[in-house]
Amino acid sequence: MLNEHEQTTYNHSLEQKVDSLAQLKVKGLVVGPIHVAPPDKAMSLRFEEISPEAGNLEQFKGFVQAAHRKGISVVLDLTPNYQGSSGPWFSNISVTNVAERLKSALVFWLNEGVDGVQLSGVERVSSVVPSLWNDIRAIVQKGTDERPNKRLLIGVTEQSSAEDVSSLLSSTSVDLLISRVLRAGDVDATERAQSVQRLYSSHSQTTLAWSLGGGAEGHMAWLVGPALVKLHQLLLLTLPGTPVFNYGDELGLMDAEERAERLSCRSFFRSLSELRGKEHSLTFGDFLLLLNSSSSLAYLRVWDQSERYLATFNWAEEAAVLQLSRATLPRQAAVVLSTNSSALPADSKVDLTNLWLGPRQAALLRFPYTG
């Protein structure tokens, strides 16, 4: 899933973006918010009207049709107060009024062809006006008369602890919840992996979404540094659930980034995305944590008799040797992709009991099911 946060005019260039995303095997795109919402002015909110700088309804519909032709779903972000400072749902006094107005807007946009809706601050609206939240859920998740198919309801929260995210998933019943669980401040890598394990153990992986930050926080390259973009691409695209990127993360975008590096990041992303789309173990396989320390991580993705995929990471600034020996693992595995292809070229064989990973390096390995 890709988030397109910038207010973009729906013209030929955006349809070209759709072609580019289709090549990357992207299945969904979150657009917006694009509705008229003067900051912190609840009474001036107009959900069904597109801001002039973002284009018009006909252009938006053309864009949705272009995406659908390429097999890409379009989710519209309808967060009410997206430009204000008083919270995504304005003040407490406004929540009831805004949630009531959102209901008719949902019917409008679903009938215009969007495949789902994204809302920030779901904990606020679901707890302040639970009956209206149930109405909102019903409209999106049960469809409308004109479009009876189920649509996707995505929630966004600032919560970062696995416990809080888990309880929100249960209490809001959103289809996907985007949280800050992978960006929990100064928490080390050990805690992040434990959070993934906790959420995976408690919920269907179809409800889990993995993200490093929203559009307001900048591209992945700003958040983790250009050297770690591929490592985090590999992480998000091999965890159990839905990876969520900001548009541009697939290029490792930072301002003035070298063209060769952009193309390298895009190629790496495309290879991973293609794999994830066709390999059952990566798409919906079980998640087994094998090794988790403050500097390294290894987990297995397994589905029935499909090939097994082993994701390995070294966060440290010095090389690491991972000793992965257990009854379920073979002695050797083949390299599928590596963030440093000169050190670990594709199709080369590695010894799992003595796996060398260079500084800040990650590798995806595979081995066959042996029964």
Protein backbone atom coordinates (compact mmCIF):
# COMPACT_ATOMS: atom_id res chain seq x y z
CA MET A 1 0.00 0.00 0.00
CA LEU A 2 1.34 3.43 -0.91
CA ASN A 3 0.38 6.70 0.73
CA GLU A 4 0.21 9.71 -1.62
CA HIS A 5 -0.10 12.53 0.90
CA GLU A 6 0.70 15.53 -1.25
CA GLN A 7 -2.24 17.42 -2.71
CA THR A 8 -1.74 16.51 -6.32
CA THR A 9 -3.62 17.71 -9.38
CA TYR A 10 -5.23 14.74 -11.12
CA ASN A 11 -3.78 15.15 -14.58
CA HIS A 12 -1.81 13.14 -17.09
CA SER A 13 1.28 13.03 -14.85
CA LEU A 14 -0.66 11.33 -12.04
CA GLU A 15 -1.93 8.71 -14.46
CA GLN A 16 1.71 8.14 -15.43
CA LYS A 17 2.41 7.54 -11.74
CA VAL A 18 -0.23 4.81 -11.84
CA ASP A 19 1.71 3.06 -14.63
CA SER A 20 4.90 3.31 -12.58
CA LEU A 21 3.22 1.92 -9.47
CA ALA A 22 1.69 -0.96 -11.44
CA GLN A 23 5.20 -1.92 -12.56
CA LEU A 24 6.18 -2.08 -8.90
CA LYS A 25 3.27 -4.48 -8.20
CA VAL A 26 1.65 -1.96 -5.84
CA LYS A 27 -1.90 -3.11 -5.06
CA GLY A 28 -3.31 -0.10 -3.25
CA LEU A 29 -2.88 3.66 -3.11
CA VAL A 30 -4.05 6.03 -0.37
CA VAL A 31 -4.81 9.47 -1.79
CA GLY A 32 -5.33 12.71 0.09
CA PRO A 33 -6.78 14.18 2.12
CA ILE A 34 -7.99 16.43 -0.71
CA HIS A 35 -11.30 17.75 0.65
CA VAL A 36 -11.95 21.37 1.66
CA ALA A 37 -11.02 21.74 5.34
CA PRO A 38 -9.87 25.17 6.55
CA PRO A 39 -7.60 24.52 9.57
CA ASP A 40 -9.46 24.11 12.87
CA LYS A 41 -12.78 25.37 11.46
CA ALA A 42 -15.24 22.53 11.83
CA MET A 43 -18.16 24.46 10.40
CA SER A 44 -16.26 25.19 7.16
CA LEU A 45 -15.50 21.52 6.54
CA ARG A 46 -16.78 20.25 3.18
CA PHE A 47 -16.06 16.54 2.78
CA GLU A 48 -17.59 16.22 -0.68
CA GLU A 49 -15.73 19.12 -2.25
CA ILE A 50 -12.18 18.80 -3.59
CA SER A 51 -9.75 21.61 -2.77
CA PRO A 52 -9.16 23.63 -5.99
CA GLU A 53 -5.38 23.12 -5.79
CA ALA A 54 -5.95 19.36 -5.87
CA GLY A 55 -8.08 19.34 -9.02
CA ASN A 56 -11.74 18.55 -9.51
CA LEU A 57 -14.12 15.62 -9.27
CA GLU A 58 -13.94 14.64 -12.93
CA GLN A 59 -10.13 14.50 -12.79
CA PHE A 60 -10.27 12.45 -9.62
CA LYS A 61 -12.73 9.99 -11.15
CA GLY A 62 -10.47 9.66 -14.21
CA PHE A 63 -7.56 8.88 -11.91
CA VAL A 64 -9.55 6.22 -10.02
CA GLN A 65 -10.56 4.60 -13.32
CA ALA A 66 -6.92 4.62 -14.50
CA ALA A 67 -5.84 2.94 -11.25
CA HIS A 68 -8.59 0.32 -11.52
CA ARG A 69 -7.51 -0.51 -15.08
CA LYS A 70 -4.10 -1.38 -13.63
CA GLY A 71 -5.57 -3.43 -10.78
CA ILE A 72 -4.75 -0.81 -8.14
CA SER A 73 -7.28 0.00 -5.41
CA VAL A 74 -7.73 3.64 -4.40
CA VAL A 75 -8.37 4.52 -0.76
CA LEU A 76 -9.35 8.11 0.05
CA ASP A 77 -8.11 9.76 3.24
CA LEU A 78 -11.06 11.63 4.74
CA THR A 79 -9.40 12.71 8.01
CA PRO A 80 -11.51 15.78 8.89
CA ASN A 81 -9.06 18.37 10.29
CA TYR A 82 -5.96 17.32 8.37
CA GLN A 83 -4.42 20.79 8.20
CA GLY A 84 -5.29 22.00 11.70
CA SER A 85 -3.58 21.84 15.07
CA SER A 86 -6.58 20.93 17.26
CA GLY A 87 -6.44 17.23 16.37
CA PRO A 88 -7.79 15.22 13.43
CA TRP A 89 -11.39 15.48 14.73
CA PHE A 90 -11.20 19.10 15.91
CA SER A 91 -12.21 19.59 19.55
CA ASN A 92 -14.29 17.15 21.60
CA ILE A 93 -17.35 19.34 21.08
CA SER A 94 -17.09 18.91 17.32
CA VAL A 95 -16.66 15.14 17.13
CA THR A 96 -20.38 14.27 17.07
CA ASN A 97 -21.25 16.84 14.42
CA VAL A 98 -18.26 15.97 12.24
CA ALA A 99 -18.81 12.22 12.49
CA GLU A 100 -22.48 12.66 11.53
CA ARG A 101 -21.51 14.70 8.45
CA LEU A 102 -18.88 12.16 7.51
CA LYS A 103 -21.53 9.45 7.14
CA SER A 104 -23.20 11.02 4.09
CA ALA A 105 -19.77 11.87 2.65
CA LEU A 106 -18.77 8.21 2.87
CA VAL A 107 -21.77 7.19 0.79
CA PHE A 108 -20.90 9.92 -1.74
CA TRP A 109 -17.26 8.87 -2.18
CA LEU A 110 -17.94 5.13 -2.18
CA ASN A 111 -20.46 5.70 -4.95
CA GLU A 112 -17.79 7.64 -6.87
CA GLY A 113 -15.75 4.45 -6.98
CA VAL A 114 -13.19 4.63 -4.15
CA ASP A 115 -12.25 1.27 -2.69
CA GLY A 116 -11.95 2.38 0.90
CA VAL A 117 -11.44 5.18 3.36
CA GLN A 118 -8.58 6.11 5.68
CA LEU A 119 -9.15 8.05 8.91
CA SER A 120 -6.60 9.36 11.42
CA GLY A 121 -7.35 9.58 15.13
CA VAL A 122 -9.64 6.56 15.16
CA GLU A 123 -9.27 6.20 18.93
CA ARG A 124 -10.91 9.61 19.42
CA VAL A 125 -14.02 9.10 17.31
CA SER A 126 -14.58 5.47 18.29
CA SER A 127 -14.45 6.26 22.02
CA VAL A 128 -16.29 9.63 22.04
CA VAL A 129 -19.18 8.61 19.77
CA PRO A 130 -19.18 4.80 19.60
CA SER A 131 -22.64 4.58 17.99
CA LEU A 132 -21.62 6.92 15.17
CA TRP A 133 -18.36 5.01 14.77
CA ASN A 134 -20.40 1.83 14.31
CA ASP A 135 -22.42 3.63 11.61
CA ILE A 136 -19.21 4.74 9.87
CA ARG A 137 -17.86 1.20 9.98
CA ALA A 138 -21.10 -0.25 8.63
CA ILE A 139 -21.21 2.16 5.67
CA VAL A 140 -17.64 1.39 4.60
CA GLN A 141 -17.36 -2.27 5.48
CA LYS A 142 -20.83 -3.40 4.38
CA GLY A 143 -20.99 -1.31 1.21
CA THR A 144 -23.80 0.82 -0.18
CA ASP A 145 -26.84 -0.06 -2.27
CA GLU A 146 -25.09 1.05 -5.47
CA ARG A 147 -21.84 -0.70 -4.55
CA PRO A 148 -22.61 -3.69 -2.34
CA ASN A 149 -19.02 -4.98 -2.18
CA LYS A 150 -17.11 -4.58 1.07
CA ARG A 151 -14.73 -1.62 1.16
CA LEU A 152 -11.59 -1.14 3.22
CA LEU A 153 -11.57 0.94 6.41
CA ILE A 154 -8.04 1.95 7.39
CA GLY A 155 -7.34 3.56 10.74
CA VAL A 156 -4.28 5.64 11.60
CA THR A 157 -3.08 6.10 15.17
CA GLU A 158 -0.17 7.79 16.91
CA GLN A 159 0.03 4.87 19.35
CA SER A 160 3.34 3.03 19.38
CA SER A 161 3.09 0.30 22.04
CA ALA A 162 2.01 -3.15 20.90
CA GLU A 163 -0.51 -3.34 23.77
CA ASP A 164 -2.22 -0.07 22.81
CA VAL A 165 -2.24 -0.93 19.11
CA SER A 166 -3.62 -4.38 19.85
CA SER A 167 -6.48 -3.04 21.97
CA LEU A 168 -7.30 -0.42 19.32
CA LEU A 169 -7.45 -3.09 16.63
CA SER A 170 -9.96 -4.95 18.76
CA SER A 171 -12.04 -1.95 19.86
CA THR A 172 -12.28 -0.13 16.50
CA SER A 173 -12.65 -3.21 14.21
CA VAL A 174 -10.84 -1.41 11.37
CA ASP A 175 -9.64 -3.58 8.51
CA LEU A 176 -6.09 -2.22 8.79
CA LEU A 177 -4.45 -0.10 11.49
CA ILE A 178 -1.39 2.00 10.69
CA SER A 179 0.54 2.77 13.87
CA ARG A 180 3.93 3.92 15.09
CA VAL A 181 4.84 0.52 16.51
CA LEU A 182 8.00 0.29 14.37
CA ARG A 183 8.97 3.85 15.28
CA ALA A 184 8.71 3.75 19.04
CA GLY A 185 11.24 6.51 19.76
CA ASP A 186 14.47 5.21 21.22
CA VAL A 187 13.25 1.64 21.63
CA ASP A 188 15.87 -0.78 20.37
CA ALA A 189 15.47 -3.38 17.65
CA THR A 190 14.78 -6.13 20.20
CA GLU A 191 11.63 -4.40 21.44
CA ARG A 192 10.39 -3.70 17.88
CA ALA A 193 10.62 -7.36 16.93
CA GLN A 194 8.85 -8.36 20.16
CA SER A 195 6.07 -5.91 19.27
CA VAL A 196 5.68 -7.53 15.85
CA GLN A 197 5.53 -10.94 17.54
CA ARG A 198 2.88 -9.75 20.05
CA LEU A 199 0.64 -8.29 17.36
CA TYR A 200 1.09 -11.30 15.07
CA SER A 201 0.18 -13.64 17.94
CA SER A 202 -3.01 -11.72 18.78
CA HIS A 203 -4.49 -10.72 15.42
CA SER A 204 -5.02 -11.96 11.89
CA GLN A 205 -2.13 -10.72 9.78
CA THR A 206 -4.68 -9.27 7.33
CA THR A 207 -5.29 -6.48 9.90
CA LEU A 208 -1.60 -5.70 10.53
CA ALA A 209 0.04 -2.80 8.71
CA TRP A 210 3.72 -1.89 8.91
CA SER A 211 4.92 1.65 8.36
CA LEU A 212 7.86 3.84 9.34
CA GLY A 213 5.97 7.13 9.38
CA GLY A 214 3.34 9.27 7.72
CA GLY A 215 3.75 11.82 4.96
CA ALA A 216 4.16 14.69 7.43
CA GLU A 217 7.27 13.03 8.83
CA GLY A 218 9.03 12.79 5.49
CA HIS A 219 10.33 10.01 3.30
CA MET A 220 11.95 6.87 4.61
CA ALA A 221 15.40 8.14 3.64
CA TRP A 222 14.95 11.09 6.03
CA LEU A 223 13.73 8.83 8.82
CA VAL A 224 16.37 6.09 8.67
CA GLY A 225 19.12 7.58 6.49
CA PRO A 226 19.82 6.71 2.83
CA ALA A 227 22.11 3.81 3.75
CA LEU A 228 19.29 1.95 5.52
CA VAL A 229 16.50 2.41 2.97
CA LYS A 230 16.89 -1.01 1.33
CA LEU A 231 17.18 -2.73 4.72
CA HIS A 232 13.86 -1.21 5.80
CA GLN A 233 12.24 -1.95 2.44
CA LEU A 234 13.19 -5.59 3.01
CA LEU A 235 11.80 -5.47 6.56
CA LEU A 236 8.41 -4.00 5.63
CA LEU A 237 7.94 -6.22 2.57
CA THR A 238 8.67 -9.47 4.43
CA LEU A 239 6.76 -8.92 7.70
CA PRO A 240 3.35 -10.65 8.05
CA GLY A 241 0.70 -8.12 7.03
CA THR A 242 0.49 -5.10 4.73
CA PRO A 243 3.55 -2.92 4.09
CA VAL A 244 2.72 0.81 3.88
CA PHE A 245 5.11 3.18 2.13
CA ASN A 246 4.96 6.87 1.32
CA TYR A 247 5.16 7.65 -2.38
CA GLY A 248 8.87 8.09 -3.09
CA ASP A 249 10.07 5.56 -0.50
CA GLU A 250 10.50 3.02 -3.28
CA LEU A 251 13.15 5.36 -4.73
CA GLY A 252 14.92 5.98 -1.44
CA LEU A 253 14.03 9.62 -2.00
CA MET A 254 15.87 12.44 -0.39
CA ASP A 255 16.31 15.77 -2.13
CA ALA A 256 19.16 15.64 -4.72
CA GLU A 257 19.63 11.90 -4.34
CA GLU A 258 21.88 10.39 -7.01
CA ARG A 259 20.00 8.96 -9.99
CA ALA A 260 21.92 5.66 -9.87
CA GLU A 261 20.98 5.17 -6.22
CA ARG A 262 17.32 6.00 -6.94
CA LEU A 263 17.21 3.41 -9.71
CA SER A 264 18.95 0.86 -7.48
CA CYS A 265 16.37 1.39 -4.68
CA ARG A 266 13.50 1.18 -7.15
CA SER A 267 14.84 -2.04 -8.66
CA PHE A 268 15.31 -3.56 -5.18
CA PHE A 269 11.76 -2.56 -4.18
CA ARG A 270 10.32 -3.98 -7.40
CA SER A 271 12.10 -7.33 -6.97
CA LEU A 272 10.85 -7.61 -3.39
CA SER A 273 7.33 -6.54 -4.29
CA GLU A 274 7.14 -9.07 -7.14
CA LEU A 275 8.37 -11.84 -4.83
CA ARG A 276 5.88 -10.90 -2.14
CA GLY A 277 3.06 -11.05 -4.67
CA LYS A 278 3.82 -14.53 -5.97
CA GLU A 279 5.41 -16.44 -3.07
CA HIS A 280 2.80 -17.82 -0.68
CA SER A 281 5.26 -17.92 2.22
CA LEU A 282 5.75 -14.14 1.96
CA THR A 283 2.14 -13.30 1.13
CA PHE A 284 0.38 -15.09 3.98
CA GLY A 285 2.87 -17.50 5.52
CA ASP A 286 3.46 -18.07 9.22
CA PHE A 287 5.94 -15.79 10.97
CA LEU A 288 8.61 -17.46 13.12
CA LEU A 289 11.09 -15.33 15.05
CA LEU A 290 14.47 -17.11 15.06
CA LEU A 291 16.91 -14.52 16.40
CA ASN A 292 16.32 -11.15 18.02
CA SER A 293 19.00 -8.97 19.61
CA SER A 294 19.69 -5.25 19.81
CA SER A 295 21.83 -5.50 16.66
CA SER A 296 20.45 -8.40 14.62
CA LEU A 297 17.19 -10.03 13.63
CA ALA A 298 16.18 -13.15 11.73
CA TYR A 299 12.74 -14.56 11.04
CA LEU A 300 11.24 -17.25 8.87
CA ARG A 301 8.14 -17.07 6.66
CA VAL A 302 6.59 -20.47 6.02
CA TRP A 303 3.52 -21.61 4.08
CA ASP A 304 2.51 -25.28 3.66
CA GLN A 305 4.98 -26.93 1.25
CA SER A 306 6.12 -23.71 -0.44
CA GLU A 307 9.72 -22.54 -0.38
CA ARG A 308 10.78 -21.09 2.96
CA TYR A 309 12.00 -17.49 3.19
CA LEU A 310 14.46 -16.34 5.83
CA ALA A 311 14.88 -12.58 6.41
CA THR A 312 18.10 -11.56 8.15
CA PHE A 313 19.19 -8.12 9.37
CA ASN A 314 22.26 -6.54 10.94
CA TRP A 315 21.50 -3.07 12.36
CA ALA A 316 25.00 -2.57 13.75
CA GLU A 317 27.77 -0.45 12.27
CA GLU A 318 30.11 -3.41 12.32
CA ALA A 319 29.83 -6.83 10.68
CA ALA A 320 27.91 -9.59 12.47
CA VAL A 321 27.89 -13.37 12.31
CA LEU A 322 24.46 -14.95 12.79
CA GLN A 323 24.44 -18.54 14.01
CA LEU A 324 21.14 -19.98 12.86
CA SER A 325 21.07 -23.65 13.73
CA ARG A 326 17.94 -25.50 14.72
CA ALA A 327 16.15 -28.65 13.68
CA THR A 328 13.79 -26.85 11.28
CA LEU A 329 16.63 -25.22 9.32
CA PRO A 330 18.97 -26.72 6.74
CA ARG A 331 22.71 -26.05 6.90
CA GLN A 332 22.65 -23.89 3.74
CA ALA A 333 20.31 -21.44 2.04
CA ALA A 334 20.40 -19.46 -1.20
CA VAL A 335 20.56 -15.67 -1.36
CA VAL A 336 17.48 -14.16 -3.03
CA LEU A 337 18.24 -10.48 -2.46
CA SER A 338 20.79 -8.58 -0.44
CA THR A 339 21.26 -4.91 0.35
CA ASN A 340 24.90 -5.41 -0.67
CA SER A 341 24.90 -7.62 -3.73
CA SER A 342 28.69 -7.57 -4.10
CA ALA A 343 29.11 -9.11 -0.63
CA LEU A 344 26.15 -11.51 -0.95
CA PRO A 345 25.30 -11.99 -4.63
CA ALA A 346 21.93 -13.43 -5.66
CA ASP A 347 21.83 -17.23 -5.92
CA SER A 348 25.02 -17.66 -3.90
CA LYS A 349 24.90 -20.23 -1.08
CA VAL A 350 25.45 -19.26 2.54
CA ASP A 351 26.08 -21.28 5.70
CA LEU A 352 23.25 -20.60 8.15
CA THR A 353 25.36 -21.69 11.13
CA ASN A 354 27.91 -19.01 10.26
CA LEU A 355 26.06 -16.30 8.31
CA TRP A 356 28.17 -13.18 7.81
CA LEU A 357 26.32 -9.89 7.34
CA GLY A 358 28.20 -6.68 6.73
CA PRO A 359 27.53 -3.45 8.63
CA ARG A 360 23.86 -2.37 8.36
CA GLN A 361 23.22 -5.13 5.85
CA ALA A 362 20.15 -7.30 5.28
CA ALA A 363 19.55 -10.35 3.15
CA LEU A 364 16.57 -12.46 2.12
CA LEU A 365 17.38 -16.15 1.83
CA ARG A 366 15.39 -19.16 0.74
CA PHE A 367 15.49 -22.93 0.99
CA PRO A 368 13.11 -25.67 -0.19
CA TYR A 369 10.51 -27.49 1.88
CA THR A 370 11.88 -30.91 2.76
CA GLY A 371 8.94 -32.47 4.59
